[in-house]
């Protein structure tokens, strides 16, 4: 499963391996956050569904993040949640976080997540 068998490592090597594994995990989390922001971008319009009528159950654009964040198609959370093995509510929170970081905290986004 892993390139290194922890049973073969001395204490210092274990700590180095933990630090390396944590860096890989954090890098993966940043990548997911960037992908989630792009997912929101790709779902910022309802192409071909604007017939001038809004009926109950029809998809609509909703503001998931705070003030100043773009709107996102409300069903985008369910599809994202399904592929990430999380609830639509957890996926919604992830989209909210990504949009808040990018649009409301751009310097923080630019320092890591936007790379």
PDB file of N, CA and C in Angstrom:
ATOM      1  N   UNK A   1       0.820  -1.191   0.000  1.00  0.00           N
ATOM      2  CA  UNK A   1       0.000   0.000   0.000  1.00  0.00           C
ATOM      3  C   UNK A   1       0.870   1.263   0.000  1.00  0.00           C
ATOM      4  N   UNK A   2       1.943   1.265   0.774  1.00  0.00           N
ATOM      5  CA  UNK A   2       2.817   2.421   0.855  1.00  0.00           C
ATOM      6  C   UNK A   2       4.197   2.053   0.347  1.00  0.00           C
ATOM      7  N   UNK A   3       4.936   3.081  -0.102  1.00  0.00           N
ATOM      8  CA  UNK A   3       6.292   2.853  -0.575  1.00  0.00           C
ATOM      9  C   UNK A   3       7.223   2.491   0.574  1.00  0.00           C
ATOM     10  N   UNK A   4       6.926   3.000   1.750  1.00  0.00           N
ATOM     11  CA  UNK A   4       7.772   2.776   2.923  1.00  0.00           C
ATOM     12  C   UNK A   4       6.970   1.990   3.956  1.00  0.00           C
ATOM     13  N   UNK A   5       7.574   0.950   4.499  1.00  0.00           N
ATOM     14  CA  UNK A   5       6.939   0.195   5.577  1.00  0.00           C
ATOM     15  C   UNK A   5       7.338   0.853   6.892  1.00  0.00           C
ATOM     16  N   UNK A   6       6.377   1.430   7.632  1.00  0.00           N
ATOM     17  CA  UNK A   6       6.717   2.104   8.886  1.00  0.00           C
ATOM     18  C   UNK A   6       7.436   1.203   9.888  1.00  0.00           C
ATOM     19  N   UNK A   7       7.245  -0.100   9.787  1.00  0.00           N
ATOM     20  CA  UNK A   7       7.915  -1.026  10.701  1.00  0.00           C
ATOM     21  C   UNK A   7       9.430  -1.004  10.506  1.00  0.00           C
ATOM     22  N   UNK A   8       9.886  -0.548   9.349  1.00  0.00           N
ATOM     23  CA  UNK A   8      11.319  -0.510   9.060  1.00  0.00           C
ATOM     24  C   UNK A   8      11.970   0.816   9.443  1.00  0.00           C
ATOM     25  N   UNK A   9      11.209   1.762   9.976  1.00  0.00           N
ATOM     26  CA  UNK A   9      11.716   3.099  10.239  1.00  0.00           C
ATOM     27  C   UNK A   9      12.123   3.293  11.701  1.00  0.00           C
ATOM     28  N   UNK A  10      13.200   4.058  11.892  1.00  0.00           N
ATOM     29  CA  UNK A  10      13.584   4.451  13.249  1.00  0.00           C
ATOM     30  C   UNK A  10      12.750   5.667  13.641  1.00  0.00           C
ATOM     31  N   UNK A  11      12.795   6.111  14.887  1.00  0.00           N
ATOM     32  CA  UNK A  11      11.941   7.222  15.326  1.00  0.00           C
ATOM     33  C   UNK A  11      12.089   8.495  14.485  1.00  0.00           C
ATOM     34  N   UNK A  12      13.305   8.881  14.142  1.00  0.00           N
ATOM     35  CA  UNK A  12      13.495  10.095  13.341  1.00  0.00           C
ATOM     36  C   UNK A  12      12.899   9.927  11.943  1.00  0.00           C
ATOM     37  N   UNK A  13      13.072   8.749  11.362  1.00  0.00           N
ATOM     38  CA  UNK A  13      12.538   8.494  10.029  1.00  0.00           C
ATOM     39  C   UNK A  13      11.007   8.491  10.049  1.00  0.00           C
ATOM     40  N   UNK A  14      10.412   7.998  11.136  1.00  0.00           N
ATOM     41  CA  UNK A  14       8.953   8.018  11.261  1.00  0.00           C
ATOM     42  C   UNK A  14       8.455   9.458  11.253  1.00  0.00           C
ATOM     43  N   UNK A  15       9.120  10.323  12.023  1.00  0.00           N
ATOM     44  CA  UNK A  15       8.697  11.724  12.065  1.00  0.00           C
ATOM     45  C   UNK A  15       8.864  12.402  10.709  1.00  0.00           C
ATOM     46  N   UNK A  16       9.956  12.123  10.008  1.00  0.00           N
ATOM     47  CA  UNK A  16      10.137  12.693   8.672  1.00  0.00           C
ATOM     48  C   UNK A  16       9.043  12.206   7.733  1.00  0.00           C
ATOM     49  N   UNK A  17       8.688  10.927   7.837  1.00  0.00           N
ATOM     50  CA  UNK A  17       7.642  10.367   6.988  1.00  0.00           C
ATOM     51  C   UNK A  17       6.284  11.005   7.298  1.00  0.00           C
ATOM     52  N   UNK A  18       6.013  11.240   8.579  1.00  0.00           N
ATOM     53  CA  UNK A  18       4.758  11.890   8.974  1.00  0.00           C
ATOM     54  C   UNK A  18       4.689  13.300   8.399  1.00  0.00           C
ATOM     55  N   UNK A  19       5.787  14.042   8.486  1.00  0.00           N
ATOM     56  CA  UNK A  19       5.818  15.409   7.948  1.00  0.00           C
ATOM     57  C   UNK A  19       5.590  15.382   6.439  1.00  0.00           C
ATOM     58  N   UNK A  20       6.228  14.456   5.755  1.00  0.00           N
ATOM     59  CA  UNK A  20       6.056  14.351   4.305  1.00  0.00           C
ATOM     60  C   UNK A  20       4.623  13.967   3.943  1.00  0.00           C
ATOM     61  N   UNK A  21       4.057  13.016   4.665  1.00  0.00           N
ATOM     62  CA  UNK A  21       2.679  12.593   4.391  1.00  0.00           C
ATOM     63  C   UNK A  21       1.699  13.734   4.650  1.00  0.00           C
ATOM     64  N   UNK A  22       1.932  14.518   5.701  1.00  0.00           N
ATOM     65  CA  UNK A  22       1.058  15.657   6.007  1.00  0.00           C
ATOM     66  C   UNK A  22       1.129  16.692   4.882  1.00  0.00           C
ATOM     67  N   UNK A  23       2.332  16.942   4.360  1.00  0.00           N
ATOM     68  CA  UNK A  23       2.487  17.907   3.260  1.00  0.00           C
ATOM     69  C   UNK A  23       1.735  17.436   2.023  1.00  0.00           C
ATOM     70  N   UNK A  24       1.791  16.143   1.737  1.00  0.00           N
ATOM     71  CA  UNK A  24       1.063  15.596   0.592  1.00  0.00           C
ATOM     72  C   UNK A  24      -0.448  15.742   0.809  1.00  0.00           C
ATOM     73  N   UNK A  25      -0.913  15.459   2.019  1.00  0.00           N
ATOM     74  CA  UNK A  25      -2.341  15.571   2.322  1.00  0.00           C
ATOM     75  C   UNK A  25      -2.817  17.020   2.214  1.00  0.00           C
ATOM     76  N   UNK A  26      -2.038  17.958   2.730  1.00  0.00           N
ATOM     77  CA  UNK A  26      -2.420  19.369   2.646  1.00  0.00           C
ATOM     78  C   UNK A  26      -2.439  19.850   1.205  1.00  0.00           C
ATOM     79  N   UNK A  27      -1.486  19.403   0.415  1.00  0.00           N
ATOM     80  CA  UNK A  27      -1.456  19.762  -1.003  1.00  0.00           C
ATOM     81  C   UNK A  27      -2.701  19.236  -1.714  1.00  0.00           C
ATOM     82  N   UNK A  28      -3.099  18.026  -1.370  1.00  0.00           N
ATOM     83  CA  UNK A  28      -4.304  17.446  -1.967  1.00  0.00           C
ATOM     84  C   UNK A  28      -5.547  18.233  -1.560  1.00  0.00           C
ATOM     85  N   UNK A  29      -5.606  18.694  -0.311  1.00  0.00           N
ATOM     86  CA  UNK A  29      -6.750  19.485   0.146  1.00  0.00           C
ATOM     87  C   UNK A  29      -6.826  20.823  -0.588  1.00  0.00           C
ATOM     88  N   UNK A  30      -5.677  21.447  -0.837  1.00  0.00           N
ATOM     89  CA  UNK A  30      -5.664  22.702  -1.592  1.00  0.00           C
ATOM     90  C   UNK A  30      -6.158  22.455  -3.008  1.00  0.00           C
ATOM     91  N   UNK A  31      -5.716  21.347  -3.600  1.00  0.00           N
ATOM     92  CA  UNK A  31      -6.168  21.019  -4.957  1.00  0.00           C
ATOM     93  C   UNK A  31      -7.680  20.817  -4.995  1.00  0.00           C
ATOM     94  N   UNK A  32      -8.216  20.126  -4.016  1.00  0.00           N
ATOM     95  CA  UNK A  32      -9.661  19.911  -3.952  1.00  0.00           C
ATOM     96  C   UNK A  32     -10.385  21.249  -3.832  1.00  0.00           C
ATOM     97  N   UNK A  33      -9.875  22.142  -2.991  1.00  0.00           N
ATOM     98  CA  UNK A  33     -10.505  23.445  -2.818  1.00  0.00           C
ATOM     99  C   UNK A  33     -10.508  24.231  -4.126  1.00  0.00           C
ATOM    100  N   UNK A  34      -9.399  24.194  -4.858  1.00  0.00           N
ATOM    101  CA  UNK A  34      -9.340  24.876  -6.157  1.00  0.00           C
ATOM    102  C   UNK A  34     -10.320  24.252  -7.148  1.00  0.00           C
ATOM    103  N   UNK A  35     -10.405  22.928  -7.143  1.00  0.00           N
ATOM    104  CA  UNK A  35     -11.345  22.242  -8.032  1.00  0.00           C
ATOM    105  C   UNK A  35     -12.792  22.577  -7.669  1.00  0.00           C
ATOM    106  N   UNK A  36     -13.074  22.677  -6.392  1.00  0.00           N
ATOM    107  CA  UNK A  36     -14.426  23.025  -5.939  1.00  0.00           C
ATOM    108  C   UNK A  36     -14.787  24.441  -6.398  1.00  0.00           C
ATOM    109  N   UNK A  37     -13.846  25.367  -6.311  1.00  0.00           N
ATOM    110  CA  UNK A  37     -14.105  26.728  -6.793  1.00  0.00           C
ATOM    111  C   UNK A  37     -14.391  26.713  -8.292  1.00  0.00           C
ATOM    112  N   UNK A  38     -13.643  25.915  -9.029  1.00  0.00           N
ATOM    113  CA  UNK A  38     -13.885  25.798 -10.479  1.00  0.00           C
ATOM    114  C   UNK A  38     -15.252  25.162 -10.739  1.00  0.00           C
ATOM    115  N   UNK A  39     -15.625  24.169  -9.946  1.00  0.00           N
ATOM    116  CA  UNK A  39     -16.943  23.539 -10.056  1.00  0.00           C
ATOM    117  C   UNK A  39     -18.036  24.599  -9.917  1.00  0.00           C
ATOM    118  N   UNK A  40     -17.864  25.475  -8.922  1.00  0.00           N
ATOM    119  CA  UNK A  40     -18.839  26.558  -8.728  1.00  0.00           C
ATOM    120  C   UNK A  40     -18.883  27.470  -9.950  1.00  0.00           C
ATOM    121  N   UNK A  41     -17.712  27.783 -10.512  1.00  0.00           N
ATOM    122  CA  UNK A  41     -17.670  28.613 -11.718  1.00  0.00           C
ATOM    123  C   UNK A  41     -18.450  27.973 -12.860  1.00  0.00           C
ATOM    124  N   UNK A  42     -18.273  26.672 -13.008  1.00  0.00           N
ATOM    125  CA  UNK A  42     -18.930  25.948 -14.097  1.00  0.00           C
ATOM    126  C   UNK A  42     -20.441  25.842 -13.898  1.00  0.00           C
ATOM    127  N   UNK A  43     -20.903  26.120 -12.695  1.00  0.00           N
ATOM    128  CA  UNK A  43     -22.329  26.040 -12.383  1.00  0.00           C
ATOM    129  C   UNK A  43     -22.880  27.398 -11.943  1.00  0.00           C
ATOM    130  N   UNK A  44     -22.370  28.457 -12.557  1.00  0.00           N
ATOM    131  CA  UNK A  44     -22.803  29.794 -12.189  1.00  0.00           C
ATOM    132  C   UNK A  44     -23.912  30.327 -13.097  1.00  0.00           C
ATOM    133  N   UNK A  45     -24.343  29.498 -14.039  1.00  0.00           N
ATOM    134  CA  UNK A  45     -25.440  29.868 -14.942  1.00  0.00           C
ATOM    135  C   UNK A  45     -26.349  28.668 -15.140  1.00  0.00           C
ATOM    136  N   UNK A  46     -27.568  28.940 -15.506  1.00  0.00           N
ATOM    137  CA  UNK A  46     -28.524  27.889 -15.821  1.00  0.00           C
ATOM    138  C   UNK A  46     -28.797  27.951 -17.316  1.00  0.00           C
ATOM    139  N   UNK A  47     -27.879  27.478 -18.099  1.00  0.00           N
ATOM    140  CA  UNK A  47     -28.006  27.539 -19.553  1.00  0.00           C
ATOM    141  C   UNK A  47     -29.199  26.726 -20.046  1.00  0.00           C
ATOM    142  N   UNK A  48     -29.977  27.339 -20.908  1.00  0.00           N
ATOM    143  CA  UNK A  48     -31.078  26.651 -21.569  1.00  0.00           C
ATOM    144  C   UNK A  48     -32.285  26.373 -20.706  1.00  0.00           C
ATOM    145  N   UNK A  49     -32.265  26.825 -19.468  1.00  0.00           N
ATOM    146  CA  UNK A  49     -33.412  26.543 -18.605  1.00  0.00           C
ATOM    147  C   UNK A  49     -34.216  27.783 -18.276  1.00  0.00           C
ATOM    148  N   UNK A  50     -33.778  28.934 -18.764  1.00  0.00           N
ATOM    149  CA  UNK A  50     -34.496  30.168 -18.456  1.00  0.00           C
ATOM    150  C   UNK A  50     -35.637  30.358 -19.448  1.00  0.00           C
ATOM    151  N   UNK A  51     -36.807  29.900 -19.060  1.00  0.00           N
ATOM    152  CA  UNK A  51     -37.968  30.038 -19.927  1.00  0.00           C
ATOM    153  C   UNK A  51     -38.880  31.153 -19.426  1.00  0.00           C
ATOM    154  N   UNK A  52     -38.394  31.901 -18.429  1.00  0.00           N
ATOM    155  CA  UNK A  52     -39.185  32.998 -17.898  1.00  0.00           C
ATOM    156  C   UNK A  52     -40.190  32.570 -16.846  1.00  0.00           C
ATOM    157  N   UNK A  53     -40.223  31.271 -16.564  1.00  0.00           N
ATOM    158  CA  UNK A  53     -41.161  30.744 -15.578  1.00  0.00           C
ATOM    159  C   UNK A  53     -40.364  30.015 -14.507  1.00  0.00           C
ATOM    160  N   UNK A  54     -40.732  30.238 -13.269  1.00  0.00           N
ATOM    161  CA  UNK A  54     -40.084  29.534 -12.163  1.00  0.00           C
ATOM    162  C   UNK A  54     -41.135  28.697 -11.448  1.00  0.00           C
ATOM    163  N   UNK A  55     -40.964  27.394 -11.516  1.00  0.00           N
ATOM    164  CA  UNK A  55     -41.911  26.481 -10.885  1.00  0.00           C
ATOM    165  C   UNK A  55     -41.244  25.798  -9.703  1.00  0.00           C
ATOM    166  N   UNK A  56     -42.025  25.362  -8.732  1.00  0.00           N
ATOM    167  CA  UNK A  56     -41.448  24.646  -7.590  1.00  0.00           C
ATOM    168  C   UNK A  56     -40.643  23.434  -8.070  1.00  0.00           C
ATOM    169  N   UNK A  57     -39.487  23.266  -7.516  1.00  0.00           N
ATOM    170  CA  UNK A  57     -38.631  22.130  -7.869  1.00  0.00           C
ATOM    171  C   UNK A  57     -37.648  22.407  -8.981  1.00  0.00           C
ATOM    172  N   UNK A  58     -37.818  23.524  -9.687  1.00  0.00           N
ATOM    173  CA  UNK A  58     -36.874  23.863 -10.745  1.00  0.00           C
ATOM    174  C   UNK A  58     -35.572  24.356 -10.118  1.00  0.00           C
ATOM    175  N   UNK A  59     -34.475  24.012 -10.774  1.00  0.00           N
ATOM    176  CA  UNK A  59     -33.191  24.492 -10.281  1.00  0.00           C
ATOM    177  C   UNK A  59     -33.117  26.008 -10.421  1.00  0.00           C
ATOM    178  N   UNK A  60     -32.452  26.620  -9.467  1.00  0.00           N
ATOM    179  CA  UNK A  60     -32.275  28.067  -9.487  1.00  0.00           C
ATOM    180  C   UNK A  60     -30.872  28.386  -9.009  1.00  0.00           C
ATOM    181  N   UNK A  61     -30.463  29.595  -9.229  1.00  0.00           N
ATOM    182  CA  UNK A  61     -29.170  30.047  -8.728  1.00  0.00           C
ATOM    183  C   UNK A  61     -29.334  30.512  -7.291  1.00  0.00           C
ATOM    184  N   UNK A  62     -28.394  30.127  -6.440  1.00  0.00           N
ATOM    185  CA  UNK A  62     -28.423  30.522  -5.031  1.00  0.00           C
ATOM    186  C   UNK A  62     -27.044  31.042  -4.635  1.00  0.00           C
ATOM    187  N   UNK A  63     -27.021  31.936  -3.678  1.00  0.00           N
ATOM    188  CA  UNK A  63     -25.758  32.449  -3.164  1.00  0.00           C
ATOM    189  C   UNK A  63     -25.350  31.546  -2.002  1.00  0.00           C
ATOM    190  N   UNK A  64     -24.291  30.763  -2.212  1.00  0.00           N
ATOM    191  CA  UNK A  64     -23.835  29.831  -1.189  1.00  0.00           C
ATOM    192  C   UNK A  64     -22.866  30.491  -0.221  1.00  0.00           C
ATOM    193  N   UNK A  65     -22.021  31.362  -0.739  1.00  0.00           N
ATOM    194  CA  UNK A  65     -21.063  32.058   0.111  1.00  0.00           C
ATOM    195  C   UNK A  65     -21.662  33.338   0.652  1.00  0.00           C
ATOM    196  N   UNK A  66     -20.807  34.134   1.237  1.00  0.00           N
ATOM    197  CA  UNK A  66     -21.244  35.402   1.798  1.00  0.00           C
ATOM    198  C   UNK A  66     -21.428  36.465   0.728  1.00  0.00           C
ATOM    199  N   UNK A  67     -21.721  37.667   1.173  1.00  0.00           N
ATOM    200  CA  UNK A  67     -21.936  38.795   0.264  1.00  0.00           C
ATOM    201  C   UNK A  67     -20.707  38.980  -0.624  1.00  0.00           C
ATOM    202  N   UNK A  68     -20.968  39.156  -1.917  1.00  0.00           N
ATOM    203  CA  UNK A  68     -19.879  39.350  -2.866  1.00  0.00           C
ATOM    204  C   UNK A  68     -19.446  38.088  -3.586  1.00  0.00           C
ATOM    205  N   UNK A  69     -20.005  36.956  -3.197  1.00  0.00           N
ATOM    206  CA  UNK A  69     -19.672  35.705  -3.892  1.00  0.00           C
ATOM    207  C   UNK A  69     -20.693  35.461  -5.001  1.00  0.00           C
ATOM    208  N   UNK A  70     -20.282  34.762  -6.054  1.00  0.00           N
ATOM    209  CA  UNK A  70     -21.224  34.512  -7.153  1.00  0.00           C
ATOM    210  C   UNK A  70     -22.276  33.469  -6.768  1.00  0.00           C
ATOM    211  N   UNK A  71     -23.361  33.514  -7.491  1.00  0.00           N
ATOM    212  CA  UNK A  71     -24.407  32.504  -7.290  1.00  0.00           C
ATOM    213  C   UNK A  71     -24.012  31.210  -8.001  1.00  0.00           C
ATOM    214  N   UNK A  72     -24.579  30.112  -7.510  1.00  0.00           N
ATOM    215  CA  UNK A  72     -24.272  28.777  -8.028  1.00  0.00           C
ATOM    216  C   UNK A  72     -25.584  28.012  -8.176  1.00  0.00           C
ATOM    217  N   UNK A  73     -25.653  27.165  -9.176  1.00  0.00           N
ATOM    218  CA  UNK A  73     -26.842  26.319  -9.354  1.00  0.00           C
ATOM    219  C   UNK A  73     -27.003  25.432  -8.119  1.00  0.00           C
ATOM    220  N   UNK A  74     -28.188  25.449  -7.555  1.00  0.00           N
ATOM    221  CA  UNK A  74     -28.384  24.789  -6.260  1.00  0.00           C
ATOM    222  C   UNK A  74     -28.157  23.279  -6.297  1.00  0.00           C
ATOM    223  N   UNK A  75     -28.368  22.622  -7.428  1.00  0.00           N
ATOM    224  CA  UNK A  75     -28.181  21.176  -7.487  1.00  0.00           C
ATOM    225  C   UNK A  75     -26.720  20.774  -7.659  1.00  0.00           C
ATOM    226  N   UNK A  76     -25.836  21.740  -7.870  1.00  0.00           N
ATOM    227  CA  UNK A  76     -24.405  21.437  -8.030  1.00  0.00           C
ATOM    228  C   UNK A  76     -23.835  20.806  -6.760  1.00  0.00           C
ATOM    229  N   UNK A  77     -24.393  21.142  -5.619  1.00  0.00           N
ATOM    230  CA  UNK A  77     -23.901  20.595  -4.347  1.00  0.00           C
ATOM    231  C   UNK A  77     -24.126  19.088  -4.260  1.00  0.00           C
ATOM    232  N   UNK A  78     -25.259  18.636  -4.729  1.00  0.00           N
ATOM    233  CA  UNK A  78     -25.583  17.209  -4.645  1.00  0.00           C
ATOM    234  C   UNK A  78     -24.638  16.379  -5.503  1.00  0.00           C
ATOM    235  N   UNK A  79     -24.356  16.840  -6.710  1.00  0.00           N
ATOM    236  CA  UNK A  79     -23.459  16.078  -7.589  1.00  0.00           C
ATOM    237  C   UNK A  79     -22.038  16.070  -7.044  1.00  0.00           C
ATOM    238  N   UNK A  80     -21.576  17.210  -6.561  1.00  0.00           N
ATOM    239  CA  UNK A  80     -20.235  17.269  -5.981  1.00  0.00           C
ATOM    240  C   UNK A  80     -20.152  16.375  -4.748  1.00  0.00           C
ATOM    241  N   UNK A  81     -21.153  16.446  -3.910  1.00  0.00           N
ATOM    242  CA  UNK A  81     -21.176  15.612  -2.709  1.00  0.00           C
ATOM    243  C   UNK A  81     -21.126  14.133  -3.035  1.00  0.00           C
ATOM    244  N   UNK A  82     -21.812  13.729  -4.077  1.00  0.00           N
ATOM    245  CA  UNK A  82     -21.830  12.310  -4.457  1.00  0.00           C
ATOM    246  C   UNK A  82     -20.440  11.812  -4.830  1.00  0.00           C
ATOM    247  N   UNK A  83     -19.698  12.597  -5.595  1.00  0.00           N
ATOM    248  CA  UNK A  83     -18.369  12.131  -6.011  1.00  0.00           C
ATOM    249  C   UNK A  83     -17.343  12.236  -4.888  1.00  0.00           C
ATOM    250  N   UNK A  84     -17.598  13.102  -3.908  1.00  0.00           N
ATOM    251  CA  UNK A  84     -16.682  13.216  -2.770  1.00  0.00           C
ATOM    252  C   UNK A  84     -17.118  12.360  -1.576  1.00  0.00           C
ATOM    253  N   UNK A  85     -18.174  11.583  -1.752  1.00  0.00           N
ATOM    254  CA  UNK A  85     -18.700  10.711  -0.698  1.00  0.00           C
ATOM    255  C   UNK A  85     -19.048  11.512   0.560  1.00  0.00           C
ATOM    256  N   UNK A  86     -19.745  12.630   0.333  1.00  0.00           N
ATOM    257  CA  UNK A  86     -20.209  13.451   1.442  1.00  0.00           C
ATOM    258  C   UNK A  86     -21.638  13.887   1.149  1.00  0.00           C
ATOM    259  N   UNK A  87     -22.303  14.364   2.150  1.00  0.00           N
ATOM    260  CA  UNK A  87     -23.680  14.804   1.962  1.00  0.00           C
ATOM    261  C   UNK A  87     -23.715  16.072   1.114  1.00  0.00           C
ATOM    262  N   UNK A  88     -24.861  16.341   0.509  1.00  0.00           N
ATOM    263  CA  UNK A  88     -24.997  17.601  -0.226  1.00  0.00           C
ATOM    264  C   UNK A  88     -24.756  18.819   0.675  1.00  0.00           C
ATOM    265  N   UNK A  89     -25.085  18.685   1.953  1.00  0.00           N
ATOM    266  CA  UNK A  89     -24.886  19.789   2.891  1.00  0.00           C
ATOM    267  C   UNK A  89     -23.403  20.025   3.152  1.00  0.00           C
ATOM    268  N   UNK A  90     -22.634  18.947   3.272  1.00  0.00           N
ATOM    269  CA  UNK A  90     -21.183  19.084   3.450  1.00  0.00           C
ATOM    270  C   UNK A  90     -20.545  19.653   2.183  1.00  0.00           C
ATOM    271  N   UNK A  91     -21.023  19.207   1.024  1.00  0.00           N
ATOM    272  CA  UNK A  91     -20.506  19.742  -0.238  1.00  0.00           C
ATOM    273  C   UNK A  91     -20.849  21.225  -0.364  1.00  0.00           C
ATOM    274  N   UNK A  92     -22.034  21.589   0.066  1.00  0.00           N
ATOM    275  CA  UNK A  92     -22.429  23.008   0.047  1.00  0.00           C
ATOM    276  C   UNK A  92     -21.482  23.828   0.913  1.00  0.00           C
ATOM    277  N   UNK A  93     -21.158  23.315   2.102  1.00  0.00           N
ATOM    278  CA  UNK A  93     -20.241  24.029   2.997  1.00  0.00           C
ATOM    279  C   UNK A  93     -18.853  24.163   2.366  1.00  0.00           C
ATOM    280  N   UNK A  94     -18.425  23.140   1.641  1.00  0.00           N
ATOM    281  CA  UNK A  94     -17.125  23.190   0.969  1.00  0.00           C
ATOM    282  C   UNK A  94     -17.134  24.250  -0.132  1.00  0.00           C
ATOM    283  N   UNK A  95     -18.214  24.303  -0.909  1.00  0.00           N
ATOM    284  CA  UNK A  95     -18.342  25.333  -1.942  1.00  0.00           C
ATOM    285  C   UNK A  95     -18.382  26.715  -1.291  1.00  0.00           C
ATOM    286  N   UNK A  96     -19.145  26.855  -0.219  1.00  0.00           N
ATOM    287  CA  UNK A  96     -19.200  28.133   0.496  1.00  0.00           C
ATOM    288  C   UNK A  96     -17.807  28.572   0.914  1.00  0.00           C
ATOM    289  N   UNK A  97     -17.038  27.655   1.504  1.00  0.00           N
ATOM    290  CA  UNK A  97     -15.683  27.987   1.961  1.00  0.00           C
ATOM    291  C   UNK A  97     -14.793  28.414   0.800  1.00  0.00           C
ATOM    292  N   UNK A  98     -14.852  27.661  -0.298  1.00  0.00           N
ATOM    293  CA  UNK A  98     -14.017  27.986  -1.461  1.00  0.00           C
ATOM    294  C   UNK A  98     -14.371  29.360  -2.020  1.00  0.00           C
ATOM    295  N   UNK A  99     -15.658  29.640  -2.149  1.00  0.00           N
ATOM    296  CA  UNK A  99     -16.083  30.935  -2.688  1.00  0.00           C
ATOM    297  C   UNK A  99     -15.766  32.077  -1.733  1.00  0.00           C
ATOM    298  N   UNK A 100     -15.965  31.860  -0.442  1.00  0.00           N
ATOM    299  CA  UNK A 100     -15.626  32.898   0.529  1.00  0.00           C
ATOM    300  C   UNK A 100     -14.129  33.201   0.498  1.00  0.00           C
ATOM    301  N   UNK A 101     -13.325  32.167   0.448  1.00  0.00           N
ATOM    302  CA  UNK A 101     -11.875  32.388   0.378  1.00  0.00           C
ATOM    303  C   UNK A 101     -11.490  33.170  -0.868  1.00  0.00           C
ATOM    304  N   UNK A 102     -12.006  32.740  -2.009  1.00  0.00           N
ATOM    305  CA  UNK A 102     -11.595  33.360  -3.264  1.00  0.00           C
ATOM    306  C   UNK A 102     -12.128  34.781  -3.420  1.00  0.00           C
ATOM    307  N   UNK A 103     -13.371  35.027  -3.030  1.00  0.00           N
ATOM    308  CA  UNK A 103     -13.993  36.318  -3.301  1.00  0.00           C
ATOM    309  C   UNK A 103     -13.957  37.293  -2.123  1.00  0.00           C
ATOM    310  N   UNK A 104     -13.925  36.771  -0.931  1.00  0.00           N
ATOM    311  CA  UNK A 104     -13.956  37.665   0.231  1.00  0.00           C
ATOM    312  C   UNK A 104     -12.596  37.789   0.907  1.00  0.00           C
ATOM    313  N   UNK A 105     -11.731  36.814   0.678  1.00  0.00           N
ATOM    314  CA  UNK A 105     -10.380  36.825   1.259  1.00  0.00           C
ATOM    315  C   UNK A 105      -9.352  36.556   0.160  1.00  0.00           C
ATOM    316  N   UNK A 106      -9.302  37.407  -0.848  1.00  0.00           N
ATOM    317  CA  UNK A 106      -8.454  37.120  -2.010  1.00  0.00           C
ATOM    318  C   UNK A 106      -6.972  37.027  -1.699  1.00  0.00           C
ATOM    319  N   UNK A 107      -6.477  37.759  -0.711  1.00  0.00           N
ATOM    320  CA  UNK A 107      -5.042  37.651  -0.391  1.00  0.00           C
ATOM    321  C   UNK A 107      -4.730  36.299   0.224  1.00  0.00           C
ATOM    322  N   UNK A 108      -5.633  35.791   1.038  1.00  0.00           N
ATOM    323  CA  UNK A 108      -5.440  34.451   1.602  1.00  0.00           C
ATOM    324  C   UNK A 108      -5.539  33.400   0.507  1.00  0.00           C
ATOM    325  N   UNK A 109      -6.505  33.546  -0.387  1.00  0.00           N
ATOM    326  CA  UNK A 109      -6.650  32.630  -1.523  1.00  0.00           C
ATOM    327  C   UNK A 109      -5.387  32.635  -2.367  1.00  0.00           C
ATOM    328  N   UNK A 110      -4.870  33.815  -2.644  1.00  0.00           N
ATOM    329  CA  UNK A 110      -3.678  33.943  -3.475  1.00  0.00           C
ATOM    330  C   UNK A 110      -2.428  33.415  -2.813  1.00  0.00           C
ATOM    331  N   UNK A 111      -2.435  33.282  -1.496  1.00  0.00           N
ATOM    332  CA  UNK A 111      -1.242  32.806  -0.801  1.00  0.00           C
ATOM    333  C   UNK A 111      -1.109  31.294  -0.827  1.00  0.00           C
ATOM    334  N   UNK A 112      -2.115  30.593  -1.291  1.00  0.00           N
ATOM    335  CA  UNK A 112      -2.006  29.143  -1.278  1.00  0.00           C
ATOM    336  C   UNK A 112      -3.008  28.441  -2.150  1.00  0.00           C
ATOM    337  N   UNK A 113      -4.283  28.683  -1.919  1.00  0.00           N
ATOM    338  CA  UNK A 113      -5.318  27.935  -2.612  1.00  0.00           C
ATOM    339  C   UNK A 113      -5.393  28.267  -4.106  1.00  0.00           C
ATOM    340  N   UNK A 114      -5.096  29.497  -4.460  1.00  0.00           N
ATOM    341  CA  UNK A 114      -5.241  29.900  -5.855  1.00  0.00           C
ATOM    342  C   UNK A 114      -4.071  29.535  -6.748  1.00  0.00           C
ATOM    343  N   UNK A 115      -3.131  28.826  -6.219  1.00  0.00           N
ATOM    344  CA  UNK A 115      -1.935  28.481  -7.011  1.00  0.00           C
ATOM    345  C   UNK A 115      -2.187  27.358  -7.958  1.00  0.00           C
TER     346      UNK A 115
END
